[in-house]
Amino acid sequence: MNGTSIGQNIRYFRHAKNLTQVELAAKVTVAPPYISQLESGIRLPSLKVARRMADALGVDVTVLLGSAAREPRKLVPNEKADMLRVLLQDAELTARQGDEGEFTEMSDGFMARRLASEHGTFEVSHVLIRRGPRRQQTVTHSGYEMVFCLKGEVVLQIGKKRRTLGPWDHLVLDSTQPHSARGKAGSELIWINLPGPPAAD
């Protein structure tokens, strides 16, 4: 697991605020060794801890989790993976704890509950497919989406291309392309919506 980019950002902003690891730990309400482990890339913060840390350091959580600390730039693949890993770990934990509200009907046979969101930045949902195999209505909108299949199977139609995802398969799709989904009853997904175009590798 590579948390180096996140750790470097934490260290950079901590130094910019003239905080010691002990002082930052107190502000975030974690143990000082945890800050050391984050900065050295040994561990990754949960999304809740990352938000508290971003608040303590006076930066946006998306910057802390991988965007450039000094100036805008594209994320490198390891940084993208770090951000997704943090989001998925937090989403899975929240889903297991069941503390983010009830599932609501998203579309025919698809139920969703929001696990995490930052206004205008991202939205993470836990999606259950109650009935299959009917297809959702084809939609287009701005931004892009990341779909992770946790259990079962989902078939995504993106323009003329069809992609089938099984457990732990994932894909990124351009939401401006016509797309729809259908899946087997009992399937579970993590669905992440993000604004703007995905950064090119």
N, C-alpha and C. Protein backbone atom coordinates (compact mmCIF):
# COMPACT_ATOMS: atom_id res chain seq x y z
N MET A 1 0.84 -1.18 0.00
CA MET A 1 0.00 0.00 0.00
C MET A 1 0.88 1.24 0.00
N ASN A 2 0.58 2.14 -0.94
CA ASN A 2 1.43 3.32 -1.09
C ASN A 2 0.68 4.57 -0.64
N GLY A 3 1.03 5.09 0.56
CA GLY A 3 0.42 6.32 1.03
C GLY A 3 1.41 7.47 1.01
N THR A 4 2.50 7.31 0.25
CA THR A 4 3.57 8.30 0.27
C THR A 4 3.10 9.68 -0.14
N SER A 5 2.31 9.79 -1.21
CA SER A 5 1.90 11.12 -1.69
C SER A 5 1.03 11.83 -0.65
N ILE A 6 0.13 11.09 -0.01
CA ILE A 6 -0.71 11.70 1.03
C ILE A 6 0.17 12.11 2.20
N GLY A 7 1.08 11.25 2.60
CA GLY A 7 1.98 11.57 3.72
C GLY A 7 2.82 12.80 3.44
N GLN A 8 3.31 12.95 2.21
CA GLN A 8 4.09 14.12 1.85
C GLN A 8 3.26 15.39 1.94
N ASN A 9 1.98 15.30 1.52
CA ASN A 9 1.10 16.47 1.63
C ASN A 9 0.83 16.84 3.07
N ILE A 10 0.61 15.83 3.92
CA ILE A 10 0.37 16.11 5.35
C ILE A 10 1.59 16.80 5.94
N ARG A 11 2.78 16.28 5.66
CA ARG A 11 4.02 16.87 6.19
C ARG A 11 4.20 18.31 5.68
N TYR A 12 3.96 18.50 4.37
CA TYR A 12 4.12 19.84 3.78
C TYR A 12 3.23 20.86 4.47
N PHE A 13 1.93 20.54 4.61
CA PHE A 13 1.00 21.50 5.20
C PHE A 13 1.21 21.65 6.71
N ARG A 14 1.67 20.58 7.38
CA ARG A 14 1.98 20.69 8.81
C ARG A 14 3.14 21.66 9.01
N HIS A 15 4.19 21.53 8.18
CA HIS A 15 5.33 22.46 8.28
C HIS A 15 4.90 23.89 7.93
N ALA A 16 4.01 24.02 6.92
CA ALA A 16 3.54 25.35 6.53
C ALA A 16 2.79 26.03 7.67
N LYS A 17 2.15 25.23 8.53
CA LYS A 17 1.40 25.76 9.69
C LYS A 17 2.28 25.83 10.94
N ASN A 18 3.57 25.44 10.80
CA ASN A 18 4.49 25.42 11.95
C ASN A 18 3.97 24.57 13.10
N LEU A 19 3.44 23.40 12.76
CA LEU A 19 2.93 22.48 13.78
C LEU A 19 3.86 21.29 13.91
N THR A 20 4.01 20.81 15.14
CA THR A 20 4.72 19.55 15.35
C THR A 20 3.72 18.42 15.12
N GLN A 21 4.23 17.20 15.04
CA GLN A 21 3.33 16.05 14.90
C GLN A 21 2.42 15.94 16.11
N VAL A 22 2.95 16.23 17.29
CA VAL A 22 2.16 16.16 18.53
C VAL A 22 1.03 17.20 18.50
N GLU A 23 1.34 18.42 18.03
CA GLU A 23 0.33 19.47 17.96
C GLU A 23 -0.77 19.13 16.95
N LEU A 24 -0.36 18.60 15.80
CA LEU A 24 -1.36 18.22 14.80
C LEU A 24 -2.23 17.07 15.32
N ALA A 25 -1.60 16.10 15.96
CA ALA A 25 -2.35 14.97 16.52
C ALA A 25 -3.41 15.46 17.50
N ALA A 26 -3.06 16.44 18.34
CA ALA A 26 -4.01 16.98 19.31
C ALA A 26 -5.19 17.66 18.60
N LYS A 27 -4.90 18.40 17.54
CA LYS A 27 -5.97 19.08 16.80
C LYS A 27 -6.92 18.10 16.10
N VAL A 28 -6.35 16.97 15.66
CA VAL A 28 -7.14 15.98 14.90
C VAL A 28 -7.72 14.91 15.82
N THR A 29 -7.31 14.92 17.08
CA THR A 29 -7.70 13.93 18.09
C THR A 29 -7.30 12.50 17.71
N VAL A 30 -6.01 12.36 17.36
CA VAL A 30 -5.41 11.05 17.12
C VAL A 30 -4.10 10.99 17.90
N ALA A 31 -3.51 9.81 17.99
CA ALA A 31 -2.23 9.65 18.69
C ALA A 31 -1.08 10.17 17.81
N PRO A 32 -0.07 10.80 18.42
CA PRO A 32 1.08 11.30 17.64
C PRO A 32 1.75 10.25 16.75
N PRO A 33 1.91 8.98 17.20
CA PRO A 33 2.54 7.99 16.32
C PRO A 33 1.73 7.77 15.02
N TYR A 34 0.42 7.98 15.09
CA TYR A 34 -0.43 7.82 13.90
C TYR A 34 -0.04 8.86 12.84
N ILE A 35 0.22 10.10 13.27
CA ILE A 35 0.64 11.15 12.33
C ILE A 35 1.98 10.75 11.68
N SER A 36 2.89 10.22 12.48
CA SER A 36 4.17 9.77 11.95
C SER A 36 3.99 8.67 10.91
N GLN A 37 3.09 7.72 11.20
CA GLN A 37 2.82 6.63 10.26
C GLN A 37 2.20 7.15 8.97
N LEU A 38 1.32 8.14 9.07
CA LEU A 38 0.72 8.73 7.88
C LEU A 38 1.78 9.42 7.02
N GLU A 39 2.62 10.22 7.67
CA GLU A 39 3.62 10.98 6.93
C GLU A 39 4.66 10.08 6.28
N SER A 40 4.93 8.94 6.87
CA SER A 40 5.92 8.02 6.29
C SER A 40 5.28 7.06 5.29
N GLY A 41 3.97 7.15 5.10
CA GLY A 41 3.29 6.33 4.10
C GLY A 41 2.97 4.93 4.57
N ILE A 42 3.12 4.67 5.87
CA ILE A 42 2.82 3.34 6.41
C ILE A 42 1.31 3.11 6.47
N ARG A 43 0.57 4.17 6.78
CA ARG A 43 -0.88 4.06 6.90
C ARG A 43 -1.56 5.13 6.06
N LEU A 44 -2.85 4.92 5.80
CA LEU A 44 -3.69 5.90 5.12
C LEU A 44 -4.79 6.33 6.09
N PRO A 45 -5.16 7.61 6.09
CA PRO A 45 -6.22 8.06 6.99
C PRO A 45 -7.59 7.64 6.48
N SER A 46 -8.52 7.45 7.42
CA SER A 46 -9.92 7.27 7.01
C SER A 46 -10.39 8.61 6.46
N LEU A 47 -11.50 8.62 5.76
CA LEU A 47 -12.01 9.86 5.20
C LEU A 47 -12.38 10.84 6.31
N LYS A 48 -12.92 10.32 7.42
CA LYS A 48 -13.30 11.20 8.54
C LYS A 48 -12.07 11.87 9.15
N VAL A 49 -11.00 11.08 9.33
CA VAL A 49 -9.76 11.66 9.87
C VAL A 49 -9.16 12.64 8.87
N ALA A 50 -9.20 12.29 7.59
CA ALA A 50 -8.66 13.18 6.56
C ALA A 50 -9.39 14.52 6.56
N ARG A 51 -10.68 14.50 6.75
CA ARG A 51 -11.45 15.76 6.81
C ARG A 51 -11.04 16.60 8.01
N ARG A 52 -10.91 15.95 9.18
CA ARG A 52 -10.49 16.69 10.38
C ARG A 52 -9.09 17.26 10.21
N MET A 53 -8.21 16.47 9.57
CA MET A 53 -6.84 16.92 9.36
C MET A 53 -6.82 18.10 8.38
N ALA A 54 -7.61 18.01 7.31
CA ALA A 54 -7.67 19.11 6.35
C ALA A 54 -8.16 20.38 7.03
N ASP A 55 -9.17 20.26 7.89
CA ASP A 55 -9.67 21.43 8.64
C ASP A 55 -8.57 22.01 9.53
N ALA A 56 -7.85 21.13 10.22
CA ALA A 56 -6.79 21.59 11.12
C ALA A 56 -5.66 22.28 10.36
N LEU A 57 -5.41 21.83 9.13
CA LEU A 57 -4.32 22.39 8.33
C LEU A 57 -4.79 23.52 7.41
N GLY A 58 -6.09 23.75 7.36
CA GLY A 58 -6.62 24.86 6.56
C GLY A 58 -6.57 24.63 5.07
N VAL A 59 -6.75 23.36 4.64
CA VAL A 59 -6.74 23.03 3.21
C VAL A 59 -7.97 22.20 2.87
N ASP A 60 -8.28 22.12 1.59
CA ASP A 60 -9.37 21.27 1.13
C ASP A 60 -8.94 19.81 1.24
N VAL A 61 -9.87 18.94 1.62
CA VAL A 61 -9.54 17.53 1.79
C VAL A 61 -9.03 16.90 0.50
N THR A 62 -9.51 17.35 -0.66
CA THR A 62 -9.04 16.77 -1.92
C THR A 62 -7.58 17.12 -2.19
N VAL A 63 -7.15 18.28 -1.72
CA VAL A 63 -5.73 18.65 -1.85
C VAL A 63 -4.89 17.76 -0.95
N LEU A 64 -5.37 17.56 0.27
CA LEU A 64 -4.62 16.74 1.22
C LEU A 64 -4.49 15.29 0.74
N LEU A 65 -5.53 14.79 0.07
CA LEU A 65 -5.54 13.39 -0.34
C LEU A 65 -4.87 13.11 -1.67
N GLY A 66 -4.16 14.11 -2.21
CA GLY A 66 -3.40 13.75 -3.39
C GLY A 66 -3.17 14.84 -4.40
N SER A 67 -3.95 15.90 -4.39
CA SER A 67 -3.68 16.98 -5.33
C SER A 67 -2.36 17.62 -4.98
N ALA A 68 -1.82 18.40 -5.88
CA ALA A 68 -0.52 19.03 -5.65
C ALA A 68 -0.56 19.94 -4.45
N ALA A 69 0.45 19.86 -3.64
CA ALA A 69 0.51 20.71 -2.46
C ALA A 69 0.87 22.14 -2.82
N ARG A 70 1.71 22.33 -3.83
CA ARG A 70 2.19 23.67 -4.14
C ARG A 70 1.49 24.31 -5.32
N GLU A 71 1.23 23.58 -6.38
CA GLU A 71 0.61 24.16 -7.56
C GLU A 71 -0.21 23.09 -8.27
N PRO A 72 -1.22 23.49 -9.05
CA PRO A 72 -2.06 22.50 -9.72
C PRO A 72 -1.25 21.63 -10.67
N ARG A 73 -1.60 20.35 -10.69
CA ARG A 73 -1.00 19.39 -11.61
C ARG A 73 -1.91 18.17 -11.67
N LYS A 74 -1.68 17.32 -12.67
CA LYS A 74 -2.44 16.09 -12.77
C LYS A 74 -1.98 15.13 -11.67
N LEU A 75 -2.92 14.29 -11.22
CA LEU A 75 -2.56 13.25 -10.27
C LEU A 75 -1.84 12.13 -11.01
N VAL A 76 -0.81 11.58 -10.39
CA VAL A 76 -0.14 10.42 -10.96
C VAL A 76 -0.92 9.18 -10.53
N PRO A 77 -0.75 8.05 -11.23
CA PRO A 77 -1.55 6.86 -10.92
C PRO A 77 -1.53 6.45 -9.46
N ASN A 78 -0.36 6.51 -8.79
CA ASN A 78 -0.31 6.12 -7.38
C ASN A 78 -1.17 7.04 -6.51
N GLU A 79 -1.21 8.33 -6.83
CA GLU A 79 -2.03 9.26 -6.07
C GLU A 79 -3.51 8.97 -6.28
N LYS A 80 -3.88 8.65 -7.51
CA LYS A 80 -5.28 8.29 -7.78
C LYS A 80 -5.64 7.05 -6.97
N ALA A 81 -4.77 6.06 -6.97
CA ALA A 81 -5.03 4.83 -6.23
C ALA A 81 -5.14 5.10 -4.74
N ASP A 82 -4.28 5.97 -4.21
CA ASP A 82 -4.34 6.33 -2.79
C ASP A 82 -5.69 6.94 -2.44
N MET A 83 -6.15 7.89 -3.27
CA MET A 83 -7.42 8.55 -3.00
C MET A 83 -8.58 7.56 -3.02
N LEU A 84 -8.59 6.70 -4.02
CA LEU A 84 -9.66 5.71 -4.14
C LEU A 84 -9.63 4.72 -2.99
N ARG A 85 -8.42 4.31 -2.59
CA ARG A 85 -8.30 3.36 -1.49
C ARG A 85 -8.86 3.96 -0.20
N VAL A 86 -8.56 5.22 0.06
CA VAL A 86 -9.08 5.89 1.25
C VAL A 86 -10.60 5.96 1.20
N LEU A 87 -11.14 6.36 0.06
CA LEU A 87 -12.60 6.46 -0.08
C LEU A 87 -13.27 5.10 0.10
N LEU A 88 -12.70 4.05 -0.51
CA LEU A 88 -13.30 2.74 -0.41
C LEU A 88 -13.22 2.17 1.00
N GLN A 89 -12.09 2.38 1.67
CA GLN A 89 -11.97 1.90 3.05
C GLN A 89 -13.03 2.54 3.93
N ASP A 90 -13.18 3.86 3.78
CA ASP A 90 -14.17 4.57 4.57
C ASP A 90 -15.58 4.14 4.20
N ALA A 91 -15.85 3.98 2.90
CA ALA A 91 -17.19 3.58 2.45
C ALA A 91 -17.54 2.19 2.95
N GLU A 92 -16.59 1.26 2.88
CA GLU A 92 -16.86 -0.10 3.36
C GLU A 92 -17.14 -0.11 4.86
N LEU A 93 -16.35 0.63 5.63
CA LEU A 93 -16.55 0.70 7.07
C LEU A 93 -17.92 1.28 7.39
N THR A 94 -18.27 2.37 6.71
CA THR A 94 -19.57 3.01 6.94
C THR A 94 -20.70 2.06 6.57
N ALA A 95 -20.53 1.33 5.46
CA ALA A 95 -21.57 0.39 5.03
C ALA A 95 -21.74 -0.73 6.06
N ARG A 96 -20.64 -1.22 6.62
CA ARG A 96 -20.72 -2.28 7.63
C ARG A 96 -21.39 -1.76 8.90
N GLN A 97 -21.09 -0.52 9.28
CA GLN A 97 -21.66 0.05 10.49
C GLN A 97 -23.11 0.45 10.30
N GLY A 98 -23.50 0.69 9.04
CA GLY A 98 -24.88 1.05 8.74
C GLY A 98 -25.32 2.35 9.37
N ASP A 99 -24.41 3.33 9.49
CA ASP A 99 -24.76 4.55 10.20
C ASP A 99 -24.94 5.76 9.31
N GLU A 100 -25.18 5.56 8.01
CA GLU A 100 -25.33 6.71 7.12
C GLU A 100 -26.72 6.78 6.50
N GLY A 101 -27.72 6.28 7.22
CA GLY A 101 -29.09 6.43 6.73
C GLY A 101 -29.57 5.26 5.92
N GLU A 102 -30.83 5.37 5.51
CA GLU A 102 -31.51 4.30 4.79
C GLU A 102 -31.24 4.35 3.30
N PHE A 103 -31.43 3.20 2.67
CA PHE A 103 -31.35 3.14 1.21
C PHE A 103 -32.61 3.77 0.62
N THR A 104 -32.43 4.49 -0.47
CA THR A 104 -33.57 5.06 -1.19
C THR A 104 -33.53 4.58 -2.64
N GLU A 105 -34.71 4.56 -3.26
CA GLU A 105 -34.82 4.11 -4.65
C GLU A 105 -34.07 5.08 -5.55
N MET A 106 -33.10 4.58 -6.30
CA MET A 106 -32.32 5.40 -7.22
C MET A 106 -32.96 5.35 -8.60
N SER A 107 -33.30 4.15 -9.03
CA SER A 107 -34.01 3.91 -10.28
C SER A 107 -34.55 2.50 -10.18
N ASP A 108 -35.17 2.01 -11.21
CA ASP A 108 -35.84 0.72 -11.17
C ASP A 108 -34.90 -0.40 -10.69
N GLY A 109 -35.13 -0.85 -9.46
CA GLY A 109 -34.36 -1.96 -8.92
C GLY A 109 -33.04 -1.58 -8.27
N PHE A 110 -32.61 -0.33 -8.39
CA PHE A 110 -31.36 0.13 -7.80
C PHE A 110 -31.67 0.97 -6.56
N MET A 111 -31.06 0.59 -5.43
CA MET A 111 -31.22 1.33 -4.18
C MET A 111 -29.85 1.90 -3.80
N ALA A 112 -29.84 3.10 -3.21
CA ALA A 112 -28.55 3.72 -2.86
C ALA A 112 -28.65 4.47 -1.55
N ARG A 113 -27.53 4.55 -0.86
CA ARG A 113 -27.41 5.44 0.28
C ARG A 113 -26.06 6.13 0.18
N ARG A 114 -26.06 7.42 0.48
CA ARG A 114 -24.84 8.22 0.40
C ARG A 114 -23.94 7.87 1.58
N LEU A 115 -22.68 7.59 1.26
CA LEU A 115 -21.69 7.28 2.29
C LEU A 115 -20.81 8.47 2.62
N ALA A 116 -20.51 9.27 1.60
CA ALA A 116 -19.64 10.43 1.81
C ALA A 116 -19.85 11.40 0.66
N SER A 117 -19.66 12.68 0.95
CA SER A 117 -19.75 13.68 -0.11
C SER A 117 -19.07 14.96 0.33
N GLU A 118 -18.57 15.67 -0.64
CA GLU A 118 -18.04 17.02 -0.47
C GLU A 118 -18.70 17.83 -1.57
N HIS A 119 -19.45 18.87 -1.21
CA HIS A 119 -20.22 19.63 -2.18
C HIS A 119 -19.35 20.06 -3.37
N GLY A 120 -19.76 19.66 -4.57
CA GLY A 120 -19.04 20.04 -5.78
C GLY A 120 -17.74 19.30 -6.00
N THR A 121 -17.41 18.33 -5.13
CA THR A 121 -16.13 17.63 -5.24
C THR A 121 -16.33 16.16 -5.58
N PHE A 122 -17.09 15.45 -4.75
CA PHE A 122 -17.35 14.04 -5.02
C PHE A 122 -18.55 13.58 -4.21
N GLU A 123 -19.10 12.45 -4.61
CA GLU A 123 -20.16 11.80 -3.85
C GLU A 123 -19.93 10.31 -3.94
N VAL A 124 -19.93 9.62 -2.79
CA VAL A 124 -19.73 8.18 -2.75
C VAL A 124 -21.02 7.54 -2.26
N SER A 125 -21.52 6.57 -3.01
CA SER A 125 -22.76 5.89 -2.64
C SER A 125 -22.55 4.38 -2.60
N HIS A 126 -23.27 3.75 -1.67
CA HIS A 126 -23.33 2.29 -1.58
C HIS A 126 -24.61 1.91 -2.31
N VAL A 127 -24.50 1.12 -3.39
CA VAL A 127 -25.64 0.79 -4.25
C VAL A 127 -25.96 -0.70 -4.14
N LEU A 128 -27.24 -1.00 -3.95
CA LEU A 128 -27.72 -2.38 -3.95
C LEU A 128 -28.65 -2.57 -5.14
N ILE A 129 -28.51 -3.70 -5.80
CA ILE A 129 -29.43 -4.03 -6.89
C ILE A 129 -30.44 -5.02 -6.33
N ARG A 130 -31.68 -4.56 -6.19
CA ARG A 130 -32.74 -5.39 -5.59
C ARG A 130 -33.37 -6.34 -6.60
N ARG A 131 -33.50 -5.86 -7.82
CA ARG A 131 -34.11 -6.66 -8.87
C ARG A 131 -33.22 -6.63 -10.09
N GLY A 132 -33.16 -7.69 -10.81
CA GLY A 132 -32.43 -7.72 -12.07
C GLY A 132 -33.27 -8.45 -13.09
N PRO A 133 -32.92 -8.44 -14.34
CA PRO A 133 -31.78 -7.75 -14.94
C PRO A 133 -32.20 -6.50 -15.71
N ARG A 134 -33.33 -5.85 -15.38
CA ARG A 134 -33.78 -4.69 -16.14
C ARG A 134 -32.72 -3.60 -16.16
N ARG A 135 -32.65 -2.89 -17.27
CA ARG A 135 -31.65 -1.85 -17.47
C ARG A 135 -32.19 -0.51 -16.99
N GLN A 136 -31.33 0.28 -16.36
CA GLN A 136 -31.69 1.66 -16.01
C GLN A 136 -31.88 2.48 -17.28
N GLN A 137 -32.57 3.58 -17.13
CA GLN A 137 -32.71 4.53 -18.24
C GLN A 137 -31.33 5.05 -18.62
N THR A 138 -31.09 5.23 -19.92
CA THR A 138 -29.82 5.77 -20.39
C THR A 138 -29.76 7.26 -20.06
N VAL A 139 -28.64 7.69 -19.48
CA VAL A 139 -28.48 9.08 -19.06
C VAL A 139 -27.15 9.64 -19.54
N THR A 140 -27.07 10.96 -19.57
CA THR A 140 -25.80 11.67 -19.77
C THR A 140 -25.81 12.86 -18.82
N HIS A 141 -24.66 13.23 -18.34
CA HIS A 141 -24.52 14.41 -17.47
C HIS A 141 -23.05 14.77 -17.40
N SER A 142 -22.74 15.88 -16.76
CA SER A 142 -21.34 16.31 -16.68
C SER A 142 -20.58 15.45 -15.67
N GLY A 143 -19.26 15.49 -15.76
CA GLY A 143 -18.41 14.78 -14.81
C GLY A 143 -18.03 13.39 -15.27
N TYR A 144 -17.61 12.59 -14.29
CA TYR A 144 -17.29 11.20 -14.57
C TYR A 144 -17.60 10.36 -13.35
N GLU A 145 -17.62 9.06 -13.52
CA GLU A 145 -18.02 8.15 -12.46
C GLU A 145 -17.03 7.01 -12.34
N MET A 146 -16.87 6.52 -11.12
CA MET A 146 -16.07 5.34 -10.86
C MET A 146 -17.00 4.32 -10.23
N VAL A 147 -17.03 3.14 -10.80
CA VAL A 147 -17.92 2.08 -10.32
C VAL A 147 -17.07 0.91 -9.86
N PHE A 148 -17.28 0.46 -8.61
CA PHE A 148 -16.58 -0.68 -8.04
C PHE A 148 -17.62 -1.72 -7.67
N CYS A 149 -17.47 -2.92 -8.20
CA CYS A 149 -18.39 -4.01 -7.88
C CYS A 149 -17.86 -4.73 -6.63
N LEU A 150 -18.64 -4.72 -5.57
CA LEU A 150 -18.24 -5.40 -4.34
C LEU A 150 -18.71 -6.85 -4.34
N LYS A 151 -19.91 -7.08 -4.92
CA LYS A 151 -20.52 -8.41 -4.88
C LYS A 151 -21.47 -8.55 -6.06
N GLY A 152 -21.53 -9.74 -6.64
CA GLY A 152 -22.47 -9.97 -7.73
C GLY A 152 -21.91 -9.55 -9.08
N GLU A 153 -22.79 -8.96 -9.90
CA GLU A 153 -22.39 -8.59 -11.25
C GLU A 153 -23.22 -7.41 -11.73
N VAL A 154 -22.56 -6.48 -12.42
CA VAL A 154 -23.26 -5.36 -13.03
C VAL A 154 -22.76 -5.22 -14.47
N VAL A 155 -23.68 -4.90 -15.37
CA VAL A 155 -23.34 -4.68 -16.77
C VAL A 155 -23.57 -3.21 -17.09
N LEU A 156 -22.53 -2.54 -17.54
CA LEU A 156 -22.62 -1.12 -17.88
C LEU A 156 -22.58 -0.96 -19.39
N GLN A 157 -23.53 -0.23 -19.91
CA GLN A 157 -23.56 0.10 -21.34
C GLN A 157 -23.11 1.55 -21.45
N ILE A 158 -21.98 1.78 -22.11
CA ILE A 158 -21.42 3.13 -22.27
C ILE A 158 -21.30 3.39 -23.76
N GLY A 159 -22.21 4.20 -24.30
CA GLY A 159 -22.26 4.36 -25.74
C GLY A 159 -22.56 3.01 -26.37
N LYS A 160 -21.72 2.57 -27.29
CA LYS A 160 -21.91 1.28 -27.95
C LYS A 160 -21.14 0.15 -27.26
N LYS A 161 -20.37 0.50 -26.24
CA LYS A 161 -19.56 -0.51 -25.55
C LYS A 161 -20.29 -1.04 -24.33
N ARG A 162 -20.10 -2.34 -24.08
CA ARG A 162 -20.69 -2.98 -22.91
C ARG A 162 -19.57 -3.55 -22.06
N ARG A 163 -19.67 -3.35 -20.76
CA ARG A 163 -18.63 -3.84 -19.85
C ARG A 163 -19.30 -4.55 -18.67
N THR A 164 -18.86 -5.76 -18.37
CA THR A 164 -19.40 -6.53 -17.25
C THR A 164 -18.39 -6.51 -16.12
N LEU A 165 -18.84 -6.15 -14.92
CA LEU A 165 -17.98 -6.11 -13.75
C LEU A 165 -18.41 -7.19 -12.76
N GLY A 166 -17.43 -7.95 -12.27
CA GLY A 166 -17.65 -8.92 -11.20
C GLY A 166 -17.02 -8.39 -9.92
N PRO A 167 -17.00 -9.19 -8.85
CA PRO A 167 -16.46 -8.72 -7.58
C PRO A 167 -15.05 -8.13 -7.71
N TRP A 168 -14.89 -6.90 -7.23
CA TRP A 168 -13.66 -6.11 -7.19
C TRP A 168 -13.18 -5.64 -8.56
N ASP A 169 -14.01 -5.83 -9.59
CA ASP A 169 -13.73 -5.17 -10.86
C ASP A 169 -14.19 -3.72 -10.74
N HIS A 170 -13.59 -2.85 -11.52
CA HIS A 170 -13.99 -1.44 -11.48
C HIS A 170 -13.72 -0.79 -12.83
N LEU A 171 -14.34 0.36 -13.03
CA LEU A 171 -14.07 1.14 -14.23
C LEU A 171 -14.37 2.60 -13.96
N VAL A 172 -13.80 3.45 -14.81
CA VAL A 172 -14.06 4.88 -14.80
C VAL A 172 -14.77 5.20 -16.10
N LEU A 173 -15.88 5.94 -16.01
CA LEU A 173 -16.60 6.27 -17.23
C LEU A 173 -16.84 7.77 -17.33
N ASP A 174 -16.81 8.26 -18.54
CA ASP A 174 -17.09 9.66 -18.85
C ASP A 174 -18.60 9.82 -18.86
N SER A 175 -19.14 10.56 -17.89
CA SER A 175 -20.59 10.68 -17.73
C SER A 175 -21.26 11.44 -18.86
N THR A 176 -20.47 12.14 -19.70
CA THR A 176 -21.08 12.84 -20.83
C THR A 176 -21.45 11.87 -21.95
N GLN A 177 -20.96 10.62 -21.85
CA GLN A 177 -21.33 9.57 -22.82
C GLN A 177 -22.64 8.93 -22.35
N PRO A 178 -23.55 8.60 -23.27
CA PRO A 178 -24.79 7.92 -22.85
C PRO A 178 -24.44 6.62 -22.12
N HIS A 179 -25.01 6.41 -20.94
CA HIS A 179 -24.68 5.21 -20.18
C HIS A 179 -25.88 4.72 -19.38
N SER A 180 -25.88 3.42 -19.12
CA SER A 180 -26.92 2.78 -18.32
C SER A 180 -26.31 1.57 -17.65
N ALA A 181 -27.05 1.01 -16.69
CA ALA A 181 -26.53 -0.14 -15.95
C ALA A 181 -27.67 -1.12 -15.67
N ARG A 182 -27.30 -2.38 -15.57
CA ARG A 182 -28.22 -3.40 -15.09
C ARG A 182 -27.38 -4.43 -14.35
N GLY A 183 -28.00 -5.19 -13.47
CA GLY A 183 -27.20 -6.14 -12.72
C GLY A 183 -28.04 -7.22 -12.10
N LYS A 184 -27.36 -8.20 -11.55
CA LYS A 184 -28.03 -9.32 -10.89
C LYS A 184 -28.56 -8.87 -9.53
N ALA A 185 -29.72 -9.37 -9.17
CA ALA A 185 -30.29 -9.08 -7.85
C ALA A 185 -29.30 -9.49 -6.77
N GLY A 186 -29.14 -8.65 -5.76
CA GLY A 186 -28.22 -8.92 -4.67
C GLY A 186 -26.83 -8.36 -4.87
N SER A 187 -26.57 -7.79 -6.04
CA SER A 187 -25.25 -7.20 -6.29
C SER A 187 -25.07 -5.93 -5.48
N GLU A 188 -23.83 -5.64 -5.11
CA GLU A 188 -23.50 -4.43 -4.35
C GLU A 188 -22.37 -3.69 -5.04
N LEU A 189 -22.48 -2.37 -5.05
CA LEU A 189 -21.51 -1.52 -5.73
C LEU A 189 -21.13 -0.36 -4.84
N ILE A 190 -19.95 0.19 -5.08
CA ILE A 190 -19.59 1.51 -4.60
C ILE A 190 -19.56 2.38 -5.84
N TRP A 191 -20.33 3.48 -5.84
CA TRP A 191 -20.47 4.35 -7.01
C TRP A 191 -19.97 5.73 -6.62
N ILE A 192 -18.96 6.23 -7.30
CA ILE A 192 -18.38 7.53 -6.99
C ILE A 192 -18.63 8.48 -8.15
N ASN A 193 -19.26 9.61 -7.87
CA ASN A 193 -19.50 10.64 -8.88
C ASN A 193 -18.55 11.80 -8.63
N LEU A 194 -17.87 12.25 -9.68
CA LEU A 194 -16.92 13.37 -9.58
C LEU A 194 -17.18 14.36 -10.69
N PRO A 195 -16.96 15.64 -10.43
CA PRO A 195 -17.15 16.65 -11.47
C PRO A 195 -15.97 16.70 -12.41
N GLY A 196 -16.20 17.25 -13.60
CA GLY A 196 -15.10 17.49 -14.53
C GLY A 196 -14.59 16.24 -15.19
N PRO A 197 -13.69 16.37 -16.14
CA PRO A 197 -13.13 15.22 -16.84
C PRO A 197 -12.07 14.52 -16.01
N PRO A 198 -11.92 13.20 -16.16
CA PRO A 198 -10.84 12.51 -15.44
C PRO A 198 -9.48 12.98 -15.94
N ALA A 199 -8.51 13.04 -15.04
CA ALA A 199 -7.15 13.43 -15.44
C ALA A 199 -6.56 12.33 -16.30
N ALA A 200 -5.89 12.72 -17.39
CA ALA A 200 -5.25 11.74 -18.26
C ALA A 200 -4.03 11.16 -17.58
N ASP A 201 -3.76 9.88 -17.84
CA ASP A 201 -2.55 9.26 -17.27
C ASP A 201 -1.32 9.72 -17.99
